[in-house]
Amino acid sequence: MNFENSTENDADIFLGYMLFYRFYLSGNLPAGTGDTDAWDDLGEAFFTTSVLNTYDKENERGYYSTANNYSLFKILEIPMGNRGDAFIVTLDFSDLGGVNTFGNLLGSDFDLRRSFQREELGDDKWIEEITVGGERIFFSEILQDYDITDSDLPPGITEPLAAKELVCSVWTVAYGFDIYDTFQNVYSKPVYLGNFMFTIN
């Protein structure tokens, strides 16, 4: 997957991109999503109702509610000198078996990891709170990386998780801060980047 930075962004306002995802069960995609516009609308509905109410740039944690199951998995802050440049951001999910999921921005790779809550001893905890070394789990197809209590898994998923086919849909949003007028955070409409299917094994 990839997307191009717009040279029309005001470099004094534009700061970077937020990337978010949602898992669906294969064969249970929302109605009408054969159309890219429908995917854009789904992303916008989530973004308006969830992210704008809970956005916290510092921790890059996911945003979860029983109504949507979306998670934010990366915030890309663009260096000041490159915000008006033409460049392409790439996301590579091709090696889910080797958990080498990564992206590339301006020649530098960055990790792509899931962000979610998991039940531990009766409490819901963010995965970085219970993972050794504070590292979030990569996007992978490896069974040991999943638990039925993971908040980013789709509604209706049941145990056993082995052999479950999931579709991961991905969106991006440009964000910034309006220094001229409102002096508030500003966001673009979400843009649907595509999806991929994998089997938990």
Protein backbone atom coordinates (compact mmCIF):
# COMPACT_ATOMS: atom_id res chain seq x y z
CA MET A 1 0.00 0.00 0.00
CA ASN A 2 1.17 3.55 -0.56
CA PHE A 3 -0.01 7.15 -0.67
CA GLU A 4 1.51 10.38 -1.90
CA ASN A 5 2.13 13.47 0.17
CA SER A 6 0.26 16.46 -1.24
CA THR A 7 2.43 19.42 -2.21
CA GLU A 8 -0.64 21.62 -1.66
CA ASN A 9 -0.55 21.19 2.12
CA ASP A 10 0.30 24.40 3.97
CA ALA A 11 3.67 23.51 5.52
CA ASP A 12 2.98 25.85 8.45
CA ILE A 13 -0.21 23.95 9.37
CA PHE A 14 0.35 20.39 8.16
CA LEU A 15 2.23 18.14 10.59
CA GLY A 16 1.87 14.56 9.38
CA TYR A 17 -0.37 11.51 9.00
CA MET A 18 -2.32 9.21 11.26
CA LEU A 19 -2.77 5.60 10.13
CA PHE A 20 -5.57 3.42 11.45
CA TYR A 21 -6.96 -0.02 10.73
CA ARG A 22 -9.89 -2.33 11.34
CA PHE A 23 -10.14 -6.11 11.20
CA TYR A 24 -13.13 -7.82 9.61
CA LEU A 25 -13.97 -11.49 9.39
CA SER A 26 -13.51 -12.73 5.83
CA GLY A 27 -16.91 -12.98 4.19
CA ASN A 28 -18.43 -10.46 6.59
CA LEU A 29 -17.41 -7.10 5.12
CA PRO A 30 -19.81 -4.16 5.42
CA ALA A 31 -22.46 -3.92 2.73
CA GLY A 32 -21.51 -1.82 -0.27
CA THR A 33 -17.79 -1.89 0.34
CA GLY A 34 -17.03 -3.00 -3.18
CA ASP A 35 -16.92 0.77 -3.72
CA THR A 36 -13.92 2.78 -2.47
CA ASP A 37 -16.21 5.69 -1.56
CA ALA A 38 -18.03 3.41 0.88
CA TRP A 39 -14.74 2.59 2.59
CA ASP A 40 -13.93 6.31 2.79
CA ASP A 41 -17.32 6.90 4.43
CA LEU A 42 -16.72 4.15 6.99
CA GLY A 43 -13.39 5.69 7.91
CA GLU A 44 -14.89 9.15 8.20
CA ALA A 45 -17.71 7.96 10.45
CA PHE A 46 -15.23 6.32 12.81
CA PHE A 47 -12.83 9.24 12.76
CA THR A 48 -15.52 11.80 13.54
CA THR A 49 -17.09 9.86 16.40
CA SER A 50 -14.04 8.27 18.01
CA VAL A 51 -10.62 9.67 17.19
CA LEU A 52 -11.55 13.34 17.43
CA ASN A 53 -12.88 12.73 20.93
CA THR A 54 -9.93 10.70 22.24
CA TYR A 55 -6.86 11.58 20.16
CA ASP A 56 -3.62 11.49 22.16
CA LYS A 57 -0.60 12.04 19.96
CA GLU A 58 1.92 11.15 22.63
CA ASN A 59 1.15 7.48 23.17
CA GLU A 60 -0.10 6.34 19.74
CA ARG A 61 -2.55 4.00 21.44
CA GLY A 62 -5.53 2.58 19.63
CA TYR A 63 -9.08 3.79 19.93
CA TYR A 64 -11.66 1.17 20.73
CA SER A 65 -15.36 1.00 21.38
CA THR A 66 -17.80 -1.88 21.09
CA ALA A 67 -19.33 -0.07 18.12
CA ASN A 68 -16.29 0.11 15.86
CA ASN A 69 -13.16 -1.90 16.87
CA TYR A 70 -10.79 0.45 15.04
CA SER A 71 -7.24 1.06 16.19
CA LEU A 72 -4.67 3.71 15.44
CA PHE A 73 -1.35 2.02 14.75
CA LYS A 74 1.02 4.78 13.72
CA ILE A 75 1.46 8.54 13.73
CA LEU A 76 3.89 9.83 11.12
CA GLU A 77 5.26 13.26 11.91
CA ILE A 78 6.78 14.79 8.77
CA PRO A 79 10.00 16.79 9.20
CA MET A 80 9.44 20.54 8.76
CA GLY A 81 11.64 20.75 5.66
CA ASN A 82 9.73 18.00 3.84
CA ARG A 83 6.10 18.88 4.51
CA GLY A 84 5.63 20.55 1.13
CA ASP A 85 7.61 17.95 -0.84
CA ALA A 86 6.27 15.32 -3.20
CA PHE A 87 7.05 11.90 -1.73
CA ILE A 88 5.38 8.52 -1.29
CA VAL A 89 4.72 6.72 1.99
CA THR A 90 4.73 2.92 1.61
CA LEU A 91 3.27 0.28 3.93
CA ASP A 92 4.46 -3.33 3.57
CA PHE A 93 2.36 -6.15 5.03
CA SER A 94 3.77 -8.85 2.76
CA ASP A 95 5.68 -10.84 5.40
CA LEU A 96 3.06 -11.59 8.05
CA GLY A 97 4.64 -14.97 8.72
CA GLY A 98 7.96 -13.35 9.57
CA VAL A 99 6.26 -10.43 11.37
CA ASN A 100 8.37 -8.02 9.37
CA THR A 101 5.58 -5.51 8.81
CA PHE A 102 6.94 -2.04 8.21
CA GLY A 103 6.55 1.22 6.34
CA ASN A 104 8.90 3.66 4.68
CA LEU A 105 8.88 7.45 4.96
CA LEU A 106 11.51 9.60 3.26
CA GLY A 107 13.91 6.66 3.03
CA SER A 108 13.53 5.55 6.66
CA ASP A 109 11.69 2.40 7.73
CA PHE A 110 9.25 2.34 10.66
CA ASP A 111 7.53 -0.56 12.37
CA LEU A 112 3.84 -1.30 11.94
CA ARG A 113 2.39 -2.76 15.12
CA ARG A 114 -1.10 -3.52 16.38
CA SER A 115 -2.52 -1.35 19.15
CA PHE A 116 -5.26 -2.82 21.32
CA GLN A 117 -6.41 -3.77 24.80
CA ARG A 118 -6.20 -7.33 26.13
CA GLU A 119 -7.75 -8.83 29.23
CA GLU A 120 -5.23 -9.85 31.88
CA LEU A 121 -6.30 -11.10 35.29
CA GLY A 122 -9.73 -9.56 34.78
CA ASP A 123 -8.46 -6.12 33.73
CA ASP A 124 -8.26 -4.61 30.24
CA LYS A 125 -4.71 -3.42 29.64
CA TRP A 126 -3.02 -1.84 26.65
CA ILE A 127 -0.76 -4.39 25.00
CA GLU A 128 2.38 -2.34 25.64
CA GLU A 129 1.64 -2.57 29.37
CA ILE A 130 1.82 -6.38 29.33
CA THR A 131 4.38 -7.01 26.59
CA VAL A 132 8.00 -7.51 27.57
CA GLY A 133 10.10 -4.48 26.73
CA GLY A 134 7.12 -2.26 25.99
CA GLU A 135 6.96 -3.31 22.34
CA ARG A 136 3.58 -3.53 20.66
CA ILE A 137 2.83 -6.61 18.64
CA PHE A 138 3.49 -6.44 14.92
CA PHE A 139 0.85 -7.19 12.36
CA SER A 140 1.28 -10.93 11.99
CA GLU A 141 -0.58 -14.13 11.21
CA ILE A 142 1.00 -15.98 14.14
CA LEU A 143 -1.53 -17.52 16.53
CA GLN A 144 0.46 -16.69 19.68
CA ASP A 145 0.08 -12.97 18.90
CA TYR A 146 -3.71 -13.17 19.28
CA ASP A 147 -6.11 -13.61 22.18
CA ILE A 148 -9.90 -13.72 22.02
CA THR A 149 -10.02 -10.69 24.36
CA ASP A 150 -8.00 -8.45 21.99
CA SER A 151 -10.08 -5.32 21.47
CA ASP A 152 -9.12 -4.90 17.79
CA LEU A 153 -10.55 -8.28 16.76
CA PRO A 154 -13.86 -8.08 14.86
CA PRO A 155 -17.24 -8.52 16.53
CA GLY A 156 -18.53 -12.07 16.27
CA ILE A 157 -15.14 -13.78 16.21
CA THR A 158 -15.08 -16.98 18.26
CA GLU A 159 -12.54 -19.46 19.54
CA PRO A 160 -10.54 -21.23 18.37
CA LEU A 161 -8.72 -18.39 16.61
CA ALA A 162 -6.55 -20.78 14.60
CA ALA A 163 -7.51 -20.81 10.90
CA LYS A 164 -9.69 -17.72 11.20
CA GLU A 165 -9.47 -15.56 8.05
CA LEU A 166 -9.27 -11.83 8.73
CA VAL A 167 -9.38 -8.83 6.42
CA CYS A 168 -7.41 -5.77 7.54
CA SER A 169 -8.56 -2.44 6.09
CA VAL A 170 -6.31 0.62 6.39
CA TRP A 171 -6.96 4.39 6.25
CA THR A 172 -4.84 7.53 6.57
CA VAL A 173 -5.67 11.04 7.79
CA ALA A 174 -3.55 14.18 7.46
CA TYR A 175 -3.39 16.23 10.63
CA GLY A 176 -2.07 19.64 11.62
CA PHE A 177 -2.60 22.72 13.75
CA ASP A 178 -4.26 25.90 12.47
CA ILE A 179 -1.93 28.74 13.48
CA TYR A 180 -3.81 31.39 11.48
CA ASP A 181 -7.44 31.27 12.51
CA THR A 182 -8.90 28.69 14.92
CA PHE A 183 -5.69 27.72 16.78
CA GLN A 184 -6.99 24.16 16.95
CA ASN A 185 -6.06 20.75 15.59
CA VAL A 186 -7.25 20.21 12.01
CA TYR A 187 -7.71 17.00 10.05
CA SER A 188 -8.37 15.89 6.51
CA LYS A 189 -11.06 13.41 5.61
CA PRO A 190 -9.84 9.81 6.00
CA VAL A 191 -8.59 8.19 2.80
CA TYR A 192 -8.98 4.44 2.34
CA LEU A 193 -5.67 2.82 1.34
CA GLY A 194 -6.86 -0.73 0.78
CA ASN A 195 -7.04 -4.06 2.57
CA PHE A 196 -5.39 -7.45 2.75
CA MET A 197 -6.55 -10.88 3.94
CA PHE A 198 -4.61 -13.33 6.09
CA THR A 199 -5.21 -16.49 8.11
CA ILE A 200 -4.28 -16.78 11.77
CA ASN A 201 -2.15 -19.90 12.11
